Protein backbone atom coordinates (compact mmCIF):
# COMPACT_ATOMS: atom_id res chain seq x y z
CA GLY A 1 -10.50 4.18 13.63
CA GLY A 2 -7.53 5.81 14.99
CA MET A 3 -8.26 8.85 12.99
CA ASP A 4 -11.37 9.45 14.48
CA GLN A 5 -9.83 8.77 18.07
CA ALA A 6 -6.82 11.30 17.44
CA ILE A 7 -8.99 14.04 16.19
CA SER A 8 -11.06 13.82 19.33
CA PHE A 9 -8.42 14.51 21.40
CA LEU A 10 -5.87 16.78 19.40
CA GLY A 11 -8.19 18.51 17.30
CA LYS A 12 -8.95 22.31 17.69
CA LYS A 13 -11.77 24.42 17.14
CA GLY A 14 -11.71 26.91 14.19
CA SER A 15 -8.65 24.39 12.53
CA ALA A 16 -8.58 21.82 10.10
CA SER A 17 -6.30 19.28 11.23
CA ARG A 18 -3.44 16.84 9.18
CA ILE A 19 -3.32 13.77 11.23
CA SER A 20 -0.06 11.53 10.71
CA PHE A 21 0.48 8.52 12.94
CA ASN A 22 4.47 7.61 12.73
CA PRO A 23 4.74 9.32 14.99
CA LEU A 24 1.22 10.65 16.17
CA THR A 25 1.31 14.25 15.30
CA THR A 26 -1.08 16.86 14.02
CA LEU A 27 -0.89 19.93 11.93
CA ASN A 28 -3.23 22.69 12.55
CA LEU A 29 -4.47 25.47 10.06
CA THR A 30 -6.59 28.17 10.59
CA LEU A 31 -9.43 27.90 8.52
CA PRO A 32 -11.00 31.41 6.92
CA ASN A 33 -13.95 32.71 8.33
CA ASP A 34 -16.08 32.03 5.28
CA CYS A 35 -14.84 28.39 5.02
CA VAL A 36 -17.69 26.30 4.58
CA PHE A 37 -17.73 22.50 4.70
CA PHE A 38 -20.66 20.23 2.99
CA VAL A 39 -20.81 16.92 4.45
CA ALA A 40 -23.17 14.45 2.72
CA ASN A 41 -24.08 10.34 3.73
CA SER A 42 -23.89 8.30 0.56
CA LEU A 43 -25.96 5.77 2.15
CA VAL A 44 -23.69 3.09 1.03
CA GLU A 45 -22.83 0.66 3.64
CA SER A 46 -19.30 -0.41 4.20
CA THR A 47 -18.91 -3.32 5.90
CA LYS A 48 -14.96 -3.00 6.86
CA PHE A 49 -15.65 -5.46 9.79
CA ILE A 50 -16.07 -8.33 7.09
CA THR A 51 -13.60 -6.73 4.00
CA ALA A 52 -10.49 -5.30 6.39
CA ASP A 53 -8.52 -8.34 5.97
CA THR A 54 -8.90 -8.06 1.99
CA CYS A 55 -9.16 -4.64 1.22
CA TYR A 56 -8.07 -2.09 4.15
CA ASN A 57 -5.09 -4.10 5.39
CA MET A 58 -3.76 -5.05 1.82
CA ARG A 59 -3.69 -1.33 0.88
CA VAL A 60 -1.64 -0.80 3.93
CA VAL A 61 0.66 -3.66 2.65
CA GLU A 62 0.70 -2.13 -0.82
CA CYS A 63 1.62 1.32 0.47
CA ARG A 64 4.13 0.02 2.45
CA LEU A 65 5.68 -1.95 -0.79
CA ALA A 66 5.37 0.97 -2.96
CA ALA A 67 7.43 3.20 -0.34
CA LYS A 68 10.29 0.50 -0.53
CA VAL A 69 10.28 0.22 -4.38
CA LEU A 70 9.88 3.99 -4.69
CA SER A 71 13.04 4.59 -2.22
CA LYS A 72 15.18 1.95 -3.81
CA LEU A 73 14.46 3.37 -7.29
CA LEU A 74 15.38 6.53 -5.93
CA GLY A 75 18.74 5.33 -4.47
CA GLN A 76 17.60 5.61 -0.83
CA ASN A 77 18.35 3.23 1.86
CA TRP A 78 15.04 1.28 1.17
CA LYS A 79 15.65 -1.17 4.12
CA ASN A 80 14.92 1.56 6.56
CA ILE A 81 11.88 2.91 4.75
CA SER A 82 7.97 1.62 5.59
CA ILE A 83 5.96 4.78 4.80
CA LEU A 84 6.12 7.29 1.67
CA LYS A 85 6.68 10.39 3.83
CA GLN A 86 10.05 8.69 4.89
CA VAL A 87 10.77 8.40 1.12
CA GLN A 88 9.69 12.16 0.79
CA ASP A 89 11.84 13.22 3.92
CA GLU A 90 14.84 11.28 2.78
CA GLY A 91 15.11 12.77 -0.37
CA LYS A 92 14.18 15.99 0.83
CA LEU A 93 11.39 16.11 -1.91
CA ASP A 94 8.71 18.75 -2.24
CA LEU A 95 5.11 17.29 -2.65
CA GLU A 96 4.99 18.09 -6.22
CA THR A 97 8.50 16.07 -6.86
CA MET A 98 7.10 13.10 -4.93
CA ILE A 99 4.22 12.91 -6.89
CA ASN A 100 6.08 13.08 -10.36
CA HIS A 101 8.07 10.50 -8.83
CA THR A 102 5.38 8.24 -7.67
CA LYS A 103 3.78 8.54 -11.35
CA GLY A 104 6.76 7.99 -13.14
CA PHE A 105 8.35 4.95 -11.39
CA LEU A 106 4.98 3.25 -10.04
CA PRO A 107 2.50 1.69 -12.39
CA THR A 108 -1.30 3.11 -11.88
CA SER A 109 -2.74 -0.39 -12.54
CA PRO A 110 -4.12 -1.73 -9.01
CA TYR A 111 -2.24 -4.77 -7.94
CA THR A 112 -5.16 -6.36 -5.69
CA ARG A 113 -8.13 -5.94 -7.92
């Protein structure tokens, strides 16, 4: 997907990268010398080419809807909001506050399943 392609061009040796897509940016963080990653294969097959329309794409729509609802509940100009990062930036909210607003305003039960 897009994240794999982005990191192959924007990644830097010895760093962890946070990738954002609106606009495409990366935040590189230097890893400690003793940092260790464990990579495992769950052997669970994901048929994304079959389920993309009903799972992945639906999740994108749900996240955009959540951004608009949360923005409106926070008194922001929700018509100009499309992603949760914009809600956070518009409200000048730190991550902990953003998480608390999300938990407080949005239900935890899934919409699609």
